[in-house]
Amino acid sequence: MNLTASHILENQAWYCVRTQPKHEHIAGASLLKRLGLEVFLPRLRLERATRRGPANVVEPLFPCYLFVRCALGQYADSIRHTYGVSSLVHFSGQVPPVPDPVIEELRQCFEEDEPMSVQERISPGDEVTVAEGAFLGSRGVVVRFLPARQRVQVLLEFLGRMTVAEVDRRALVLENRRVADSMPLLAMPSPERIAAVG
């Protein structure tokens, strides 16, 4: 059966693709070049403390995920077998589309697929590693942020006991990325869709 171009366009939707770790950009380029599909990979440009000092980095907003627009029935197998792709995000055996308004809202923040410049925020309760100074390599939990001085109070284990230390904000590496945990939820079917499927 031949599908007309207009019929294929009508059946296109956005889907969430899980990539192999650190392969978001490679998978996106492969989907675009090999299959000619529209890909959306929102990225952040931020200054991050590393073990060698502060560095400017570009990272995906949702590590290990990207969005692809296609007629799923035509491209599902090809997407799954694309270099850098791990799987299509699915629930109960179904691959739900990501609603267009969700993608449009994200795209308004990421003009022309350029990374959005942000400052990584640290909040009380975040797990961090100290990347420079006397406490280099120590892991701890943020107790309080002192914005006026760009300093952070961190609860650290030091010399066998717990102590609160004041550390330069730029010397901390944030260990828990909470935004990444929410990525599959963008593709989760609505209750009505679950009822219809299940």
C-alpha atoms as a PDB file:
ATOM      1  CA  MET A   1       0.000   0.000   0.000  1.00  0.00           C
ATOM      2  CA  ASN A   2       1.422   3.377  -1.002  1.00  0.00           C
ATOM      3  CA  LEU A   3       1.126   6.188   1.486  1.00  0.00           C
ATOM      4  CA  THR A   4       0.885   9.676   0.084  1.00  0.00           C
ATOM      5  CA  ALA A   5       3.182  12.378   1.460  1.00  0.00           C
ATOM      6  CA  SER A   6       0.223  14.216   2.999  1.00  0.00           C
ATOM      7  CA  HIS A   7      -1.000  11.028   4.712  1.00  0.00           C
ATOM      8  CA  ILE A   8       2.468  10.450   6.211  1.00  0.00           C
ATOM      9  CA  LEU A   9       2.620  14.061   7.459  1.00  0.00           C
ATOM     10  CA  GLU A  10      -0.817  13.729   9.066  1.00  0.00           C
ATOM     11  CA  ASN A  11       0.320  10.657  11.010  1.00  0.00           C
ATOM     12  CA  GLN A  12       3.514  12.232  12.332  1.00  0.00           C
ATOM     13  CA  ALA A  13       3.922  12.883  16.038  1.00  0.00           C
ATOM     14  CA  TRP A  14       6.740  13.485  18.498  1.00  0.00           C
ATOM     15  CA  TYR A  15       8.138  10.489  20.351  1.00  0.00           C
ATOM     16  CA  CYS A  16      10.663  10.147  23.146  1.00  0.00           C
ATOM     17  CA  VAL A  17      13.814   8.155  22.312  1.00  0.00           C
ATOM     18  CA  ARG A  18      16.142   6.752  24.946  1.00  0.00           C
ATOM     19  CA  THR A  19      19.786   6.895  23.884  1.00  0.00           C
ATOM     20  CA  GLN A  20      22.889   5.124  25.045  1.00  0.00           C
ATOM     21  CA  PRO A  21      24.745   7.093  27.756  1.00  0.00           C
ATOM     22  CA  LYS A  22      26.588  10.140  26.344  1.00  0.00           C
ATOM     23  CA  HIS A  23      25.251   9.359  22.828  1.00  0.00           C
ATOM     24  CA  GLU A  24      22.406  11.890  22.613  1.00  0.00           C
ATOM     25  CA  HIS A  25      24.121  14.034  19.971  1.00  0.00           C
ATOM     26  CA  ILE A  26      25.345  11.008  17.981  1.00  0.00           C
ATOM     27  CA  ALA A  27      21.893   9.375  17.991  1.00  0.00           C
ATOM     28  CA  GLY A  28      20.252  12.664  16.975  1.00  0.00           C
ATOM     29  CA  ALA A  29      22.684  13.175  14.075  1.00  0.00           C
ATOM     30  CA  SER A  30      22.149   9.575  12.926  1.00  0.00           C
ATOM     31  CA  LEU A  31      18.349   9.921  12.992  1.00  0.00           C
ATOM     32  CA  LEU A  32      18.593  13.143  10.987  1.00  0.00           C
ATOM     33  CA  LYS A  33      21.165  11.995   8.396  1.00  0.00           C
ATOM     34  CA  ARG A  34      20.233   8.344   7.998  1.00  0.00           C
ATOM     35  CA  LEU A  35      16.448   8.570   8.260  1.00  0.00           C
ATOM     36  CA  GLY A  36      15.819  12.267   7.500  1.00  0.00           C
ATOM     37  CA  LEU A  37      13.734  12.684  10.664  1.00  0.00           C
ATOM     38  CA  GLU A  38      13.184  15.888  12.619  1.00  0.00           C
ATOM     39  CA  VAL A  39      15.057  15.687  15.919  1.00  0.00           C
ATOM     40  CA  PHE A  40      14.828  17.929  18.983  1.00  0.00           C
ATOM     41  CA  LEU A  41      17.605  17.691  21.571  1.00  0.00           C
ATOM     42  CA  PRO A  42      17.322  20.505  24.141  1.00  0.00           C
ATOM     43  CA  ARG A  43      20.740  21.327  25.622  1.00  0.00           C
ATOM     44  CA  LEU A  44      22.088  23.542  28.386  1.00  0.00           C
ATOM     45  CA  ARG A  45      25.311  25.568  28.414  1.00  0.00           C
ATOM     46  CA  LEU A  46      26.591  25.963  31.954  1.00  0.00           C
ATOM     47  CA  GLU A  47      29.681  26.439  34.029  1.00  0.00           C
ATOM     48  CA  ARG A  48      30.397  23.371  36.041  1.00  0.00           C
ATOM     49  CA  ALA A  49      32.994  22.701  38.698  1.00  0.00           C
ATOM     50  CA  THR A  50      35.214  19.806  37.674  1.00  0.00           C
ATOM     51  CA  ARG A  51      38.155  18.189  39.381  1.00  0.00           C
ATOM     52  CA  ARG A  52      40.367  20.470  37.246  1.00  0.00           C
ATOM     53  CA  GLY A  53      38.446  23.640  38.140  1.00  0.00           C
ATOM     54  CA  PRO A  54      35.434  25.437  36.595  1.00  0.00           C
ATOM     55  CA  ALA A  55      34.691  24.585  32.938  1.00  0.00           C
ATOM     56  CA  ASN A  56      32.031  25.601  30.416  1.00  0.00           C
ATOM     57  CA  VAL A  57      30.111  22.530  29.245  1.00  0.00           C
ATOM     58  CA  VAL A  58      27.121  21.750  27.033  1.00  0.00           C
ATOM     59  CA  GLU A  59      24.848  19.008  28.342  1.00  0.00           C
ATOM     60  CA  PRO A  60      21.463  17.638  27.322  1.00  0.00           C
ATOM     61  CA  LEU A  61      18.534  18.927  29.356  1.00  0.00           C
ATOM     62  CA  PHE A  62      17.420  15.291  29.633  1.00  0.00           C
ATOM     63  CA  PRO A  63      20.502  13.026  29.684  1.00  0.00           C
ATOM     64  CA  CYS A  64      19.976   9.847  27.617  1.00  0.00           C
ATOM     65  CA  TYR A  65      16.826  11.176  25.902  1.00  0.00           C
ATOM     66  CA  LEU A  66      15.846  13.113  22.792  1.00  0.00           C
ATOM     67  CA  PHE A  67      12.666  13.725  20.782  1.00  0.00           C
ATOM     68  CA  VAL A  68      11.989  12.599  17.213  1.00  0.00           C
ATOM     69  CA  ARG A  69       9.057  13.465  14.932  1.00  0.00           C
ATOM     70  CA  CYS A  70       7.868  10.709  12.601  1.00  0.00           C
ATOM     71  CA  ALA A  71       5.101   8.375  11.502  1.00  0.00           C
ATOM     72  CA  LEU A  72       5.899   5.696  14.085  1.00  0.00           C
ATOM     73  CA  GLY A  73       4.462   2.774  12.135  1.00  0.00           C
ATOM     74  CA  GLN A  74       6.862   3.512   9.297  1.00  0.00           C
ATOM     75  CA  TYR A  75      10.015   4.276  11.334  1.00  0.00           C
ATOM     76  CA  ALA A  76       9.852   2.419  14.680  1.00  0.00           C
ATOM     77  CA  ASP A  77      12.197  -0.415  13.702  1.00  0.00           C
ATOM     78  CA  SER A  78      14.627   1.906  11.910  1.00  0.00           C
ATOM     79  CA  ILE A  79      14.765   4.205  14.963  1.00  0.00           C
ATOM     80  CA  ARG A  80      15.452   1.278  17.319  1.00  0.00           C
ATOM     81  CA  HIS A  81      18.345   0.131  15.108  1.00  0.00           C
ATOM     82  CA  THR A  82      19.953   3.562  14.723  1.00  0.00           C
ATOM     83  CA  TYR A  83      23.460   3.940  16.130  1.00  0.00           C
ATOM     84  CA  GLY A  84      23.344   5.521  19.596  1.00  0.00           C
ATOM     85  CA  VAL A  85      19.657   4.670  20.219  1.00  0.00           C
ATOM     86  CA  SER A  86      18.757   2.330  23.058  1.00  0.00           C
ATOM     87  CA  SER A  87      14.941   2.193  22.656  1.00  0.00           C
ATOM     88  CA  LEU A  88      11.734   4.145  22.197  1.00  0.00           C
ATOM     89  CA  VAL A  89      10.149   5.151  25.521  1.00  0.00           C
ATOM     90  CA  HIS A  90       7.124   2.914  26.062  1.00  0.00           C
ATOM     91  CA  PHE A  91       4.550   2.101  28.706  1.00  0.00           C
ATOM     92  CA  SER A  92       2.744  -1.257  28.844  1.00  0.00           C
ATOM     93  CA  GLY A  93       4.067  -2.133  25.404  1.00  0.00           C
ATOM     94  CA  GLN A  94       2.727   1.090  23.844  1.00  0.00           C
ATOM     95  CA  VAL A  95       4.878   3.940  22.504  1.00  0.00           C
ATOM     96  CA  PRO A  96       2.827   7.064  23.275  1.00  0.00           C
ATOM     97  CA  PRO A  97       3.357  10.332  21.427  1.00  0.00           C
ATOM     98  CA  VAL A  98       4.613  13.356  23.343  1.00  0.00           C
ATOM     99  CA  PRO A  99       1.901  16.047  23.073  1.00  0.00           C
ATOM    100  CA  ASP A 100       2.771  18.831  20.610  1.00  0.00           C
ATOM    101  CA  PRO A 101       2.203  21.590  23.234  1.00  0.00           C
ATOM    102  CA  VAL A 102       4.937  20.039  25.434  1.00  0.00           C
ATOM    103  CA  ILE A 103       7.449  20.173  22.574  1.00  0.00           C
ATOM    104  CA  GLU A 104       6.367  23.687  21.537  1.00  0.00           C
ATOM    105  CA  GLU A 105       6.807  24.963  25.087  1.00  0.00           C
ATOM    106  CA  LEU A 106      10.296  23.474  25.267  1.00  0.00           C
ATOM    107  CA  ARG A 107      11.224  24.825  21.833  1.00  0.00           C
ATOM    108  CA  GLN A 108      10.328  28.371  22.883  1.00  0.00           C
ATOM    109  CA  CYS A 109      13.172  28.143  25.410  1.00  0.00           C
ATOM    110  CA  PHE A 110      15.695  26.687  22.940  1.00  0.00           C
ATOM    111  CA  GLU A 111      15.768  28.955  19.900  1.00  0.00           C
ATOM    112  CA  GLU A 112      17.084  27.258  16.743  1.00  0.00           C
ATOM    113  CA  ASP A 113      18.346  24.294  18.763  1.00  0.00           C
ATOM    114  CA  GLU A 114      21.040  26.427  20.428  1.00  0.00           C
ATOM    115  CA  PRO A 115      21.967  25.484  23.997  1.00  0.00           C
ATOM    116  CA  MET A 116      20.325  27.590  26.701  1.00  0.00           C
ATOM    117  CA  SER A 117      22.846  29.272  29.003  1.00  0.00           C
ATOM    118  CA  VAL A 118      22.022  28.610  32.641  1.00  0.00           C
ATOM    119  CA  GLN A 119      23.700  28.606  35.998  1.00  0.00           C
ATOM    120  CA  GLU A 120      23.367  25.244  37.673  1.00  0.00           C
ATOM    121  CA  ARG A 121      21.438  25.742  40.889  1.00  0.00           C
ATOM    122  CA  ILE A 122      22.375  24.175  44.149  1.00  0.00           C
ATOM    123  CA  SER A 123      19.743  23.786  46.833  1.00  0.00           C
ATOM    124  CA  PRO A 124      19.772  22.545  50.429  1.00  0.00           C
ATOM    125  CA  GLY A 125      19.676  18.758  50.447  1.00  0.00           C
ATOM    126  CA  ASP A 126      21.624  18.343  47.170  1.00  0.00           C
ATOM    127  CA  GLU A 127      24.486  15.856  47.169  1.00  0.00           C
ATOM    128  CA  VAL A 128      27.760  17.438  46.044  1.00  0.00           C
ATOM    129  CA  THR A 129      31.454  16.675  45.639  1.00  0.00           C
ATOM    130  CA  VAL A 130      34.106  19.292  46.371  1.00  0.00           C
ATOM    131  CA  ALA A 131      36.274  19.752  43.258  1.00  0.00           C
ATOM    132  CA  GLU A 132      39.025  22.017  44.588  1.00  0.00           C
ATOM    133  CA  GLY A 133      40.592  23.358  47.761  1.00  0.00           C
ATOM    134  CA  ALA A 134      41.285  21.754  51.132  1.00  0.00           C
ATOM    135  CA  PHE A 135      38.235  19.481  50.900  1.00  0.00           C
ATOM    136  CA  LEU A 136      39.029  18.189  47.366  1.00  0.00           C
ATOM    137  CA  GLY A 137      37.185  14.915  46.675  1.00  0.00           C
ATOM    138  CA  SER A 138      34.993  15.120  49.772  1.00  0.00           C
ATOM    139  CA  ARG A 139      31.304  14.317  49.331  1.00  0.00           C
ATOM    140  CA  GLY A 140      28.596  15.969  51.332  1.00  0.00           C
ATOM    141  CA  VAL A 141      25.137  17.475  51.505  1.00  0.00           C
ATOM    142  CA  VAL A 142      24.323  21.157  51.020  1.00  0.00           C
ATOM    143  CA  VAL A 143      23.033  22.717  54.238  1.00  0.00           C
ATOM    144  CA  ARG A 144      22.652  26.363  53.196  1.00  0.00           C
ATOM    145  CA  PHE A 145      23.417  28.636  50.260  1.00  0.00           C
ATOM    146  CA  LEU A 146      24.976  32.035  51.052  1.00  0.00           C
ATOM    147  CA  PRO A 147      24.160  33.977  47.837  1.00  0.00           C
ATOM    148  CA  ALA A 148      25.773  37.279  48.815  1.00  0.00           C
ATOM    149  CA  ARG A 149      29.225  35.683  48.963  1.00  0.00           C
ATOM    150  CA  GLN A 150      28.684  32.813  46.475  1.00  0.00           C
ATOM    151  CA  ARG A 151      29.502  30.440  49.302  1.00  0.00           C
ATOM    152  CA  VAL A 152      27.746  27.233  50.330  1.00  0.00           C
ATOM    153  CA  GLN A 153      27.642  25.508  53.689  1.00  0.00           C
ATOM    154  CA  VAL A 154      28.136  21.764  53.199  1.00  0.00           C
ATOM    155  CA  LEU A 155      27.907  18.939  55.724  1.00  0.00           C
ATOM    156  CA  LEU A 156      31.054  16.851  55.115  1.00  0.00           C
ATOM    157  CA  GLU A 157      32.732  13.901  56.736  1.00  0.00           C
ATOM    158  CA  PHE A 158      36.205  15.222  57.531  1.00  0.00           C
ATOM    159  CA  LEU A 159      38.885  13.532  59.640  1.00  0.00           C
ATOM    160  CA  GLY A 160      36.416  10.888  60.805  1.00  0.00           C
ATOM    161  CA  ARG A 161      33.619  13.196  61.926  1.00  0.00           C
ATOM    162  CA  MET A 162      30.797  15.220  60.400  1.00  0.00           C
ATOM    163  CA  THR A 163      31.474  18.926  60.093  1.00  0.00           C
ATOM    164  CA  VAL A 164      29.856  21.915  58.390  1.00  0.00           C
ATOM    165  CA  ALA A 165      32.287  23.603  56.006  1.00  0.00           C
ATOM    166  CA  GLU A 166      31.876  26.801  53.992  1.00  0.00           C
ATOM    167  CA  VAL A 167      32.937  26.247  50.368  1.00  0.00           C
ATOM    168  CA  ASP A 168      33.064  28.408  47.229  1.00  0.00           C
ATOM    169  CA  ARG A 169      30.015  27.643  45.046  1.00  0.00           C
ATOM    170  CA  ARG A 170      32.219  27.145  41.966  1.00  0.00           C
ATOM    171  CA  ALA A 171      34.141  24.370  43.724  1.00  0.00           C
ATOM    172  CA  LEU A 172      31.107  22.064  43.950  1.00  0.00           C
ATOM    173  CA  VAL A 173      30.009  19.339  41.544  1.00  0.00           C
ATOM    174  CA  LEU A 174      26.306  18.558  41.822  1.00  0.00           C
ATOM    175  CA  GLU A 175      25.835  14.795  42.053  1.00  0.00           C
ATOM    176  CA  ASN A 176      22.066  14.355  41.692  1.00  0.00           C
ATOM    177  CA  ARG A 177      20.365  15.576  38.509  1.00  0.00           C
ATOM    178  CA  ARG A 178      16.653  15.577  39.328  1.00  0.00           C
ATOM    179  CA  VAL A 179      15.431  16.950  35.961  1.00  0.00           C
ATOM    180  CA  ALA A 180      16.665  13.811  34.168  1.00  0.00           C
ATOM    181  CA  ASP A 181      14.425  11.627  36.300  1.00  0.00           C
ATOM    182  CA  SER A 182      11.326  13.366  34.930  1.00  0.00           C
ATOM    183  CA  MET A 183      12.040  12.812  31.216  1.00  0.00           C
ATOM    184  CA  PRO A 184      10.013   9.616  30.642  1.00  0.00           C
ATOM    185  CA  LEU A 185       7.032  11.263  32.340  1.00  0.00           C
ATOM    186  CA  LEU A 186       6.706  13.692  29.410  1.00  0.00           C
ATOM    187  CA  ALA A 187       5.770  10.746  27.212  1.00  0.00           C
ATOM    188  CA  MET A 188       3.576   8.987  29.769  1.00  0.00           C
ATOM    189  CA  PRO A 189       0.057   8.446  28.447  1.00  0.00           C
ATOM    190  CA  SER A 190      -2.792  10.397  29.975  1.00  0.00           C
ATOM    191  CA  PRO A 191      -5.247   8.417  32.190  1.00  0.00           C
ATOM    192  CA  GLU A 192      -7.774   8.450  29.324  1.00  0.00           C
ATOM    193  CA  ARG A 193      -5.207   6.916  26.951  1.00  0.00           C
ATOM    194  CA  ILE A 194      -4.226   4.285  29.518  1.00  0.00           C
ATOM    195  CA  ALA A 195      -7.907   3.328  29.924  1.00  0.00           C
ATOM    196  CA  ALA A 196      -8.308   3.105  26.153  1.00  0.00           C
ATOM    197  CA  VAL A 197      -5.193   0.942  25.764  1.00  0.00           C
ATOM    198  CA  GLY A 198      -5.584  -1.217  28.831  1.00  0.00           C
END
